[in-house]
Amino acid sequence: MRILLVEDDPTVRAFVLKGLREAGHVVDEADNGKDGLFLAVSENYDVVILDRMLPGGIDGLRILETLRGQKNATPVLLLSALADVDERVAGLKAGGDDYMTKPFAFSELLARVEALGRRGRPESAPQTRLVVGDLEMDLLSRTVKRGGEKIDLQPREFRLLEFLIRHAGQVVTRTMLLERVWDYHFDPQTNVIDVHVSRLRQKVDKPFDKPMIHTIRNAGYILRAD
């Protein structure tokens, strides 16, 4: 997707930019209301991530109201440190499609952004069985099989493999794994991911002819059947 991020906090902006680009999205950025408004009305985006409070005399609500006044229906996710109900209601009434308060987990922001990008598409039924090639995962019985052979996994290994399967064919970054599998909202600078991926490979790949878990240099990991 092509995303516009309008955020004046340099730390937050860098954090979100890094995560979105690692997830494969194209992101334009602005650190003030004037530039954000210019980009929002002059370019085409799939989603706009818009800070509620911005410098430069043009805040997030004004940008949002301008977009909606021009009949621009691009989905907008509002970010704000203002958490009270009245502020959230004001943002949604101004035309916002979603509202997140700071601080937030990047994994949740990514999920909400991608959900907004899919807006209008039919929702699929909840899955209880995940299959990629000859690898099968039953979410109800918490069992894993490959080629019909049962694979015993520890709880953390199961969560890691589930995340990889759900994103089969996509590069999964360290940021995504740390937040969704380990619940870390920062990089602890350890090799915990490498260790667990190595253990998972010993069980899922080593006994079989073709590996399914691949390392993408300087990016992350990808699970695929071919």
C-alpha atoms as a PDB file:
ATOM      1  CA  MET A   1       0.000   0.000   0.000  1.00  0.00           C
ATOM      2  CA  ARG A   2       0.955   3.641  -0.370  1.00  0.00           C
ATOM      3  CA  ILE A   3       0.667   5.405   2.979  1.00  0.00           C
ATOM      4  CA  LEU A   4       1.008   9.003   4.140  1.00  0.00           C
ATOM      5  CA  LEU A   5       2.363   9.485   7.671  1.00  0.00           C
ATOM      6  CA  VAL A   6       1.919  12.959   9.200  1.00  0.00           C
ATOM      7  CA  GLU A   7       3.620  13.007  12.621  1.00  0.00           C
ATOM      8  CA  ASP A   8       5.711  15.730  14.245  1.00  0.00           C
ATOM      9  CA  ASP A   9       7.378  13.606  16.949  1.00  0.00           C
ATOM     10  CA  PRO A  10      10.677  12.441  15.341  1.00  0.00           C
ATOM     11  CA  THR A  11      10.945   9.331  17.523  1.00  0.00           C
ATOM     12  CA  VAL A  12       7.421   8.144  16.804  1.00  0.00           C
ATOM     13  CA  ARG A  13       7.738   9.010  13.124  1.00  0.00           C
ATOM     14  CA  ALA A  14      11.005   7.076  12.709  1.00  0.00           C
ATOM     15  CA  PHE A  15       9.590   4.065  14.600  1.00  0.00           C
ATOM     16  CA  VAL A  16       6.435   3.896  12.470  1.00  0.00           C
ATOM     17  CA  LEU A  17       8.286   4.564   9.208  1.00  0.00           C
ATOM     18  CA  LYS A  18      10.734   1.746   9.868  1.00  0.00           C
ATOM     19  CA  GLY A  19       8.017  -0.752  10.716  1.00  0.00           C
ATOM     20  CA  LEU A  20       5.767   0.125   7.762  1.00  0.00           C
ATOM     21  CA  ARG A  21       8.604  -0.033   5.274  1.00  0.00           C
ATOM     22  CA  GLU A  22       9.826  -3.330   6.708  1.00  0.00           C
ATOM     23  CA  ALA A  23       6.283  -4.629   6.167  1.00  0.00           C
ATOM     24  CA  GLY A  24       6.593  -3.741   2.473  1.00  0.00           C
ATOM     25  CA  HIS A  25       4.583  -0.513   2.307  1.00  0.00           C
ATOM     26  CA  VAL A  26       5.554   2.684   0.468  1.00  0.00           C
ATOM     27  CA  VAL A  27       5.433   5.612   2.891  1.00  0.00           C
ATOM     28  CA  ASP A  28       5.576   9.381   2.395  1.00  0.00           C
ATOM     29  CA  GLU A  29       6.101  11.504   5.487  1.00  0.00           C
ATOM     30  CA  ALA A  30       5.500  14.999   6.790  1.00  0.00           C
ATOM     31  CA  ASP A  31       6.382  16.509  10.165  1.00  0.00           C
ATOM     32  CA  ASN A  32       3.977  19.462  10.147  1.00  0.00           C
ATOM     33  CA  GLY A  33       0.421  20.317   9.217  1.00  0.00           C
ATOM     34  CA  LYS A  34       1.211  22.464   6.180  1.00  0.00           C
ATOM     35  CA  ASP A  35       3.266  19.810   4.390  1.00  0.00           C
ATOM     36  CA  GLY A  36       0.887  17.083   5.513  1.00  0.00           C
ATOM     37  CA  LEU A  37      -2.104  18.905   4.050  1.00  0.00           C
ATOM     38  CA  PHE A  38      -0.286  19.532   0.774  1.00  0.00           C
ATOM     39  CA  LEU A  39       0.586  15.846   0.348  1.00  0.00           C
ATOM     40  CA  ALA A  40      -2.840  14.643   1.467  1.00  0.00           C
ATOM     41  CA  VAL A  41      -4.733  16.704  -1.110  1.00  0.00           C
ATOM     42  CA  SER A  42      -2.255  16.466  -3.994  1.00  0.00           C
ATOM     43  CA  GLU A  43      -1.324  12.761  -3.939  1.00  0.00           C
ATOM     44  CA  ASN A  44      -3.254   9.483  -3.910  1.00  0.00           C
ATOM     45  CA  TYR A  45      -2.845   7.242  -0.859  1.00  0.00           C
ATOM     46  CA  ASP A  46      -4.423   4.011   0.322  1.00  0.00           C
ATOM     47  CA  VAL A  47      -4.307   5.117   3.977  1.00  0.00           C
ATOM     48  CA  VAL A  48      -3.345   8.297   5.844  1.00  0.00           C
ATOM     49  CA  ILE A  49      -1.896   8.109   9.375  1.00  0.00           C
ATOM     50  CA  LEU A  50      -2.515  11.508  10.898  1.00  0.00           C
ATOM     51  CA  ASP A  51      -1.311  12.960  14.182  1.00  0.00           C
ATOM     52  CA  ARG A  52      -4.060  14.884  15.959  1.00  0.00           C
ATOM     53  CA  MET A  53      -1.813  17.736  17.161  1.00  0.00           C
ATOM     54  CA  LEU A  54       0.632  19.255  14.671  1.00  0.00           C
ATOM     55  CA  PRO A  55       2.803  22.397  14.499  1.00  0.00           C
ATOM     56  CA  GLY A  56       2.441  25.041  11.823  1.00  0.00           C
ATOM     57  CA  GLY A  57      -1.069  26.273  12.519  1.00  0.00           C
ATOM     58  CA  ILE A  58      -2.779  23.332  10.776  1.00  0.00           C
ATOM     59  CA  ASP A  59      -3.710  20.420  13.042  1.00  0.00           C
ATOM     60  CA  GLY A  60      -4.823  16.920  12.170  1.00  0.00           C
ATOM     61  CA  LEU A  61      -8.536  17.672  12.381  1.00  0.00           C
ATOM     62  CA  ARG A  62      -8.205  20.535   9.907  1.00  0.00           C
ATOM     63  CA  ILE A  63      -6.391  18.251   7.449  1.00  0.00           C
ATOM     64  CA  LEU A  64      -9.082  15.630   7.911  1.00  0.00           C
ATOM     65  CA  GLU A  65     -11.927  18.112   7.480  1.00  0.00           C
ATOM     66  CA  THR A  66     -10.287  19.474   4.316  1.00  0.00           C
ATOM     67  CA  LEU A  67     -10.019  15.985   2.850  1.00  0.00           C
ATOM     68  CA  ARG A  68     -13.636  15.166   3.593  1.00  0.00           C
ATOM     69  CA  GLY A  69     -14.742  18.564   2.317  1.00  0.00           C
ATOM     70  CA  GLN A  70     -13.141  17.660  -1.011  1.00  0.00           C
ATOM     71  CA  LYS A  71     -15.037  14.341  -1.039  1.00  0.00           C
ATOM     72  CA  ASN A  72     -11.749  12.478  -0.514  1.00  0.00           C
ATOM     73  CA  ALA A  73     -12.680   9.157   1.104  1.00  0.00           C
ATOM     74  CA  THR A  74      -9.121   7.898   1.771  1.00  0.00           C
ATOM     75  CA  PRO A  75      -9.200   5.993   5.100  1.00  0.00           C
ATOM     76  CA  VAL A  76      -7.605   8.016   7.903  1.00  0.00           C
ATOM     77  CA  LEU A  77      -6.162   6.659  11.140  1.00  0.00           C
ATOM     78  CA  LEU A  78      -5.772   9.380  13.767  1.00  0.00           C
ATOM     79  CA  LEU A  79      -2.939   9.223  16.294  1.00  0.00           C
ATOM     80  CA  SER A  80      -3.080  11.265  19.478  1.00  0.00           C
ATOM     81  CA  ALA A  81      -1.854  11.592  23.037  1.00  0.00           C
ATOM     82  CA  LEU A  82      -5.383  12.853  23.821  1.00  0.00           C
ATOM     83  CA  ALA A  83      -7.124   9.769  25.155  1.00  0.00           C
ATOM     84  CA  ASP A  84     -10.410  11.036  26.590  1.00  0.00           C
ATOM     85  CA  VAL A  85     -13.698  10.030  25.000  1.00  0.00           C
ATOM     86  CA  ASP A  86     -14.610  13.528  23.762  1.00  0.00           C
ATOM     87  CA  GLU A  87     -11.376  13.770  21.756  1.00  0.00           C
ATOM     88  CA  ARG A  88     -11.917  10.365  20.166  1.00  0.00           C
ATOM     89  CA  VAL A  89     -15.512  11.254  19.312  1.00  0.00           C
ATOM     90  CA  ALA A  90     -14.396  14.577  17.795  1.00  0.00           C
ATOM     91  CA  GLY A  91     -11.860  12.804  15.601  1.00  0.00           C
ATOM     92  CA  LEU A  92     -14.349  10.225  14.370  1.00  0.00           C
ATOM     93  CA  LYS A  93     -17.061  12.826  13.774  1.00  0.00           C
ATOM     94  CA  ALA A  94     -14.605  14.887  11.715  1.00  0.00           C
ATOM     95  CA  GLY A  95     -14.331  11.927   9.339  1.00  0.00           C
ATOM     96  CA  GLY A  96     -11.665   9.732  10.890  1.00  0.00           C
ATOM     97  CA  ASP A  97     -11.974   6.002  10.276  1.00  0.00           C
ATOM     98  CA  ASP A  98      -9.990   4.895  13.333  1.00  0.00           C
ATOM     99  CA  TYR A  99      -8.309   6.450  16.357  1.00  0.00           C
ATOM    100  CA  MET A 100      -5.287   5.247  18.330  1.00  0.00           C
ATOM    101  CA  THR A 101      -3.815   6.822  21.456  1.00  0.00           C
ATOM    102  CA  LYS A 102      -0.110   7.066  22.231  1.00  0.00           C
ATOM    103  CA  PRO A 103       1.816   5.066  23.257  1.00  0.00           C
ATOM    104  CA  PHE A 104       0.805   2.176  21.016  1.00  0.00           C
ATOM    105  CA  ALA A 105       2.171  -1.160  19.827  1.00  0.00           C
ATOM    106  CA  PHE A 106       3.360  -1.063  16.229  1.00  0.00           C
ATOM    107  CA  SER A 107       1.813  -4.481  15.540  1.00  0.00           C
ATOM    108  CA  GLU A 108      -1.627  -3.094  16.415  1.00  0.00           C
ATOM    109  CA  LEU A 109      -1.084  -0.001  14.286  1.00  0.00           C
ATOM    110  CA  LEU A 110      -0.003  -2.163  11.344  1.00  0.00           C
ATOM    111  CA  ALA A 111      -3.049  -4.394  11.736  1.00  0.00           C
ATOM    112  CA  ARG A 112      -5.376  -1.388  11.825  1.00  0.00           C
ATOM    113  CA  VAL A 113      -3.715   0.276   8.836  1.00  0.00           C
ATOM    114  CA  GLU A 114      -3.925  -2.892   6.754  1.00  0.00           C
ATOM    115  CA  ALA A 115      -7.551  -3.384   7.824  1.00  0.00           C
ATOM    116  CA  LEU A 116      -8.363   0.129   6.630  1.00  0.00           C
ATOM    117  CA  GLY A 117      -6.613  -0.645   3.350  1.00  0.00           C
ATOM    118  CA  ARG A 118      -8.870  -3.683   2.919  1.00  0.00           C
ATOM    119  CA  ARG A 119     -12.024  -1.716   3.710  1.00  0.00           C
ATOM    120  CA  GLY A 120     -14.935  -2.881   1.633  1.00  0.00           C
ATOM    121  CA  ARG A 121     -13.544  -6.367   1.053  1.00  0.00           C
ATOM    122  CA  PRO A 122     -15.521  -9.297   2.502  1.00  0.00           C
ATOM    123  CA  GLU A 123     -14.194 -10.676   5.770  1.00  0.00           C
ATOM    124  CA  SER A 124     -13.130 -14.306   5.833  1.00  0.00           C
ATOM    125  CA  ALA A 125     -14.407 -16.703   8.484  1.00  0.00           C
ATOM    126  CA  PRO A 126     -12.137 -17.361  11.477  1.00  0.00           C
ATOM    127  CA  GLN A 127      -9.608 -20.077  10.725  1.00  0.00           C
ATOM    128  CA  THR A 128      -9.043 -23.073  12.976  1.00  0.00           C
ATOM    129  CA  ARG A 129      -6.683 -24.889  10.603  1.00  0.00           C
ATOM    130  CA  LEU A 130      -3.705 -23.362   8.808  1.00  0.00           C
ATOM    131  CA  VAL A 131      -2.062 -25.142   5.866  1.00  0.00           C
ATOM    132  CA  VAL A 132       1.006 -24.275   3.790  1.00  0.00           C
ATOM    133  CA  GLY A 133       2.175 -27.047   1.464  1.00  0.00           C
ATOM    134  CA  ASP A 134       2.458 -30.231   3.523  1.00  0.00           C
ATOM    135  CA  LEU A 135       2.619 -28.279   6.804  1.00  0.00           C
ATOM    136  CA  GLU A 136      -0.601 -28.284   8.844  1.00  0.00           C
ATOM    137  CA  MET A 137      -1.463 -26.492  12.083  1.00  0.00           C
ATOM    138  CA  ASP A 138      -4.649 -27.173  14.064  1.00  0.00           C
ATOM    139  CA  LEU A 139      -5.368 -24.176  16.286  1.00  0.00           C
ATOM    140  CA  LEU A 140      -7.992 -26.008  18.354  1.00  0.00           C
ATOM    141  CA  SER A 141      -5.965 -29.090  19.266  1.00  0.00           C
ATOM    142  CA  ARG A 142      -2.682 -27.106  19.167  1.00  0.00           C
ATOM    143  CA  THR A 143      -1.047 -29.745  16.985  1.00  0.00           C
ATOM    144  CA  VAL A 144       1.345 -29.455  14.039  1.00  0.00           C
ATOM    145  CA  LYS A 145       2.021 -31.995  11.310  1.00  0.00           C
ATOM    146  CA  ARG A 146       4.232 -32.026   8.258  1.00  0.00           C
ATOM    147  CA  GLY A 147       3.747 -34.709   5.654  1.00  0.00           C
ATOM    148  CA  GLY A 148       1.395 -36.389   8.107  1.00  0.00           C
ATOM    149  CA  GLU A 149       4.084 -36.632  10.792  1.00  0.00           C
ATOM    150  CA  LYS A 150       3.381 -34.964  14.128  1.00  0.00           C
ATOM    151  CA  ILE A 151       5.821 -32.254  15.251  1.00  0.00           C
ATOM    152  CA  ASP A 152       6.069 -31.483  18.969  1.00  0.00           C
ATOM    153  CA  LEU A 153       6.532 -27.778  19.662  1.00  0.00           C
ATOM    154  CA  GLN A 154       6.966 -25.727  22.801  1.00  0.00           C
ATOM    155  CA  PRO A 155       4.342 -22.963  23.340  1.00  0.00           C
ATOM    156  CA  ARG A 156       6.665 -20.201  22.098  1.00  0.00           C
ATOM    157  CA  GLU A 157       7.664 -22.257  19.066  1.00  0.00           C
ATOM    158  CA  PHE A 158       3.982 -22.822  18.300  1.00  0.00           C
ATOM    159  CA  ARG A 159       3.282 -19.073  18.439  1.00  0.00           C
ATOM    160  CA  LEU A 160       6.292 -18.353  16.237  1.00  0.00           C
ATOM    161  CA  LEU A 161       5.280 -20.926  13.642  1.00  0.00           C
ATOM    162  CA  GLU A 162       1.657 -19.758  13.705  1.00  0.00           C
ATOM    163  CA  PHE A 163       2.764 -16.205  12.953  1.00  0.00           C
ATOM    164  CA  LEU A 164       5.006 -17.395  10.108  1.00  0.00           C
ATOM    165  CA  ILE A 165       2.212 -19.527   8.625  1.00  0.00           C
ATOM    166  CA  ARG A 166      -0.326 -16.714   8.842  1.00  0.00           C
ATOM    167  CA  HIS A 167       2.142 -14.570   6.889  1.00  0.00           C
ATOM    168  CA  ALA A 168       3.278 -17.308   4.509  1.00  0.00           C
ATOM    169  CA  GLY A 169       4.905 -15.901   1.397  1.00  0.00           C
ATOM    170  CA  GLN A 170       5.584 -12.569   3.132  1.00  0.00           C
ATOM    171  CA  VAL A 171       8.786 -11.331   4.733  1.00  0.00           C
ATOM    172  CA  VAL A 172       8.307 -11.208   8.509  1.00  0.00           C
ATOM    173  CA  THR A 173      10.567  -8.652  10.169  1.00  0.00           C
ATOM    174  CA  ARG A 174      12.252  -8.711  13.568  1.00  0.00           C
ATOM    175  CA  THR A 175      10.021  -5.841  14.677  1.00  0.00           C
ATOM    176  CA  MET A 176       6.908  -7.857  13.897  1.00  0.00           C
ATOM    177  CA  LEU A 177       8.179 -10.988  15.641  1.00  0.00           C
ATOM    178  CA  LEU A 178       9.325  -9.135  18.755  1.00  0.00           C
ATOM    179  CA  GLU A 179       5.937  -7.487  19.178  1.00  0.00           C
ATOM    180  CA  ARG A 180       3.594 -10.319  18.183  1.00  0.00           C
ATOM    181  CA  VAL A 181       5.438 -13.368  19.521  1.00  0.00           C
ATOM    182  CA  TRP A 182       7.472 -11.941  22.427  1.00  0.00           C
ATOM    183  CA  ASP A 183       5.310  -8.898  23.303  1.00  0.00           C
ATOM    184  CA  TYR A 184       8.370  -6.627  23.210  1.00  0.00           C
ATOM    185  CA  HIS A 185       7.637  -3.094  22.024  1.00  0.00           C
ATOM    186  CA  PHE A 186      11.349  -2.363  21.724  1.00  0.00           C
ATOM    187  CA  ASP A 187      14.406  -4.246  20.478  1.00  0.00           C
ATOM    188  CA  PRO A 188      16.166  -5.819  23.495  1.00  0.00           C
ATOM    189  CA  GLN A 189      19.291  -6.412  21.357  1.00  0.00           C
ATOM    190  CA  THR A 190      19.382 -10.163  21.998  1.00  0.00           C
ATOM    191  CA  ASN A 191      19.550 -13.168  19.700  1.00  0.00           C
ATOM    192  CA  VAL A 192      16.292 -14.611  21.071  1.00  0.00           C
ATOM    193  CA  ILE A 193      14.664 -14.651  17.619  1.00  0.00           C
ATOM    194  CA  ASP A 194      17.631 -16.352  15.946  1.00  0.00           C
ATOM    195  CA  VAL A 195      17.755 -19.030  18.648  1.00  0.00           C
ATOM    196  CA  HIS A 196      14.042 -19.873  18.400  1.00  0.00           C
ATOM    197  CA  VAL A 197      14.002 -19.837  14.600  1.00  0.00           C
ATOM    198  CA  SER A 198      16.979 -22.210  14.625  1.00  0.00           C
ATOM    199  CA  ARG A 199      15.161 -24.582  16.990  1.00  0.00           C
ATOM    200  CA  LEU A 200      12.025 -24.384  14.875  1.00  0.00           C
ATOM    201  CA  ARG A 201      14.001 -25.263  11.754  1.00  0.00           C
ATOM    202  CA  GLN A 202      15.410 -28.322  13.484  1.00  0.00           C
ATOM    203  CA  LYS A 203      11.861 -29.602  13.944  1.00  0.00           C
ATOM    204  CA  VAL A 204      10.023 -28.281  10.883  1.00  0.00           C
ATOM    205  CA  ASP A 205      12.733 -28.418   8.191  1.00  0.00           C
ATOM    206  CA  LYS A 206      15.630 -30.704   9.079  1.00  0.00           C
ATOM    207  CA  PRO A 207      13.757 -34.052   8.981  1.00  0.00           C
ATOM    208  CA  PHE A 208      12.304 -33.250   5.553  1.00  0.00           C
ATOM    209  CA  ASP A 209      13.635 -32.861   2.018  1.00  0.00           C
ATOM    210  CA  LYS A 210      12.765 -29.209   1.408  1.00  0.00           C
ATOM    211  CA  PRO A 211      13.175 -26.353   3.893  1.00  0.00           C
ATOM    212  CA  MET A 212      10.206 -24.028   4.383  1.00  0.00           C
ATOM    213  CA  ILE A 213      11.684 -21.372   6.690  1.00  0.00           C
ATOM    214  CA  HIS A 214      14.105 -19.063   4.879  1.00  0.00           C
ATOM    215  CA  THR A 215      16.235 -16.149   6.049  1.00  0.00           C
ATOM    216  CA  ILE A 216      15.985 -12.941   4.026  1.00  0.00           C
ATOM    217  CA  ARG A 217      19.213 -11.072   4.611  1.00  0.00           C
ATOM    218  CA  ASN A 218      18.839  -7.693   6.338  1.00  0.00           C
ATOM    219  CA  ALA A 219      15.050  -8.120   6.347  1.00  0.00           C
ATOM    220  CA  GLY A 220      13.777 -11.096   8.357  1.00  0.00           C
ATOM    221  CA  TYR A 221      12.278 -14.495   7.608  1.00  0.00           C
ATOM    222  CA  ILE A 222       9.780 -15.989   5.189  1.00  0.00           C
ATOM    223  CA  LEU A 223       7.903 -19.280   5.254  1.00  0.00           C
ATOM    224  CA  ARG A 224       6.963 -20.740   1.901  1.00  0.00           C
ATOM    225  CA  ALA A 225       6.199 -24.161   0.461  1.00  0.00           C
ATOM    226  CA  ASP A 226       8.368 -23.969  -2.672  1.00  0.00           C
END
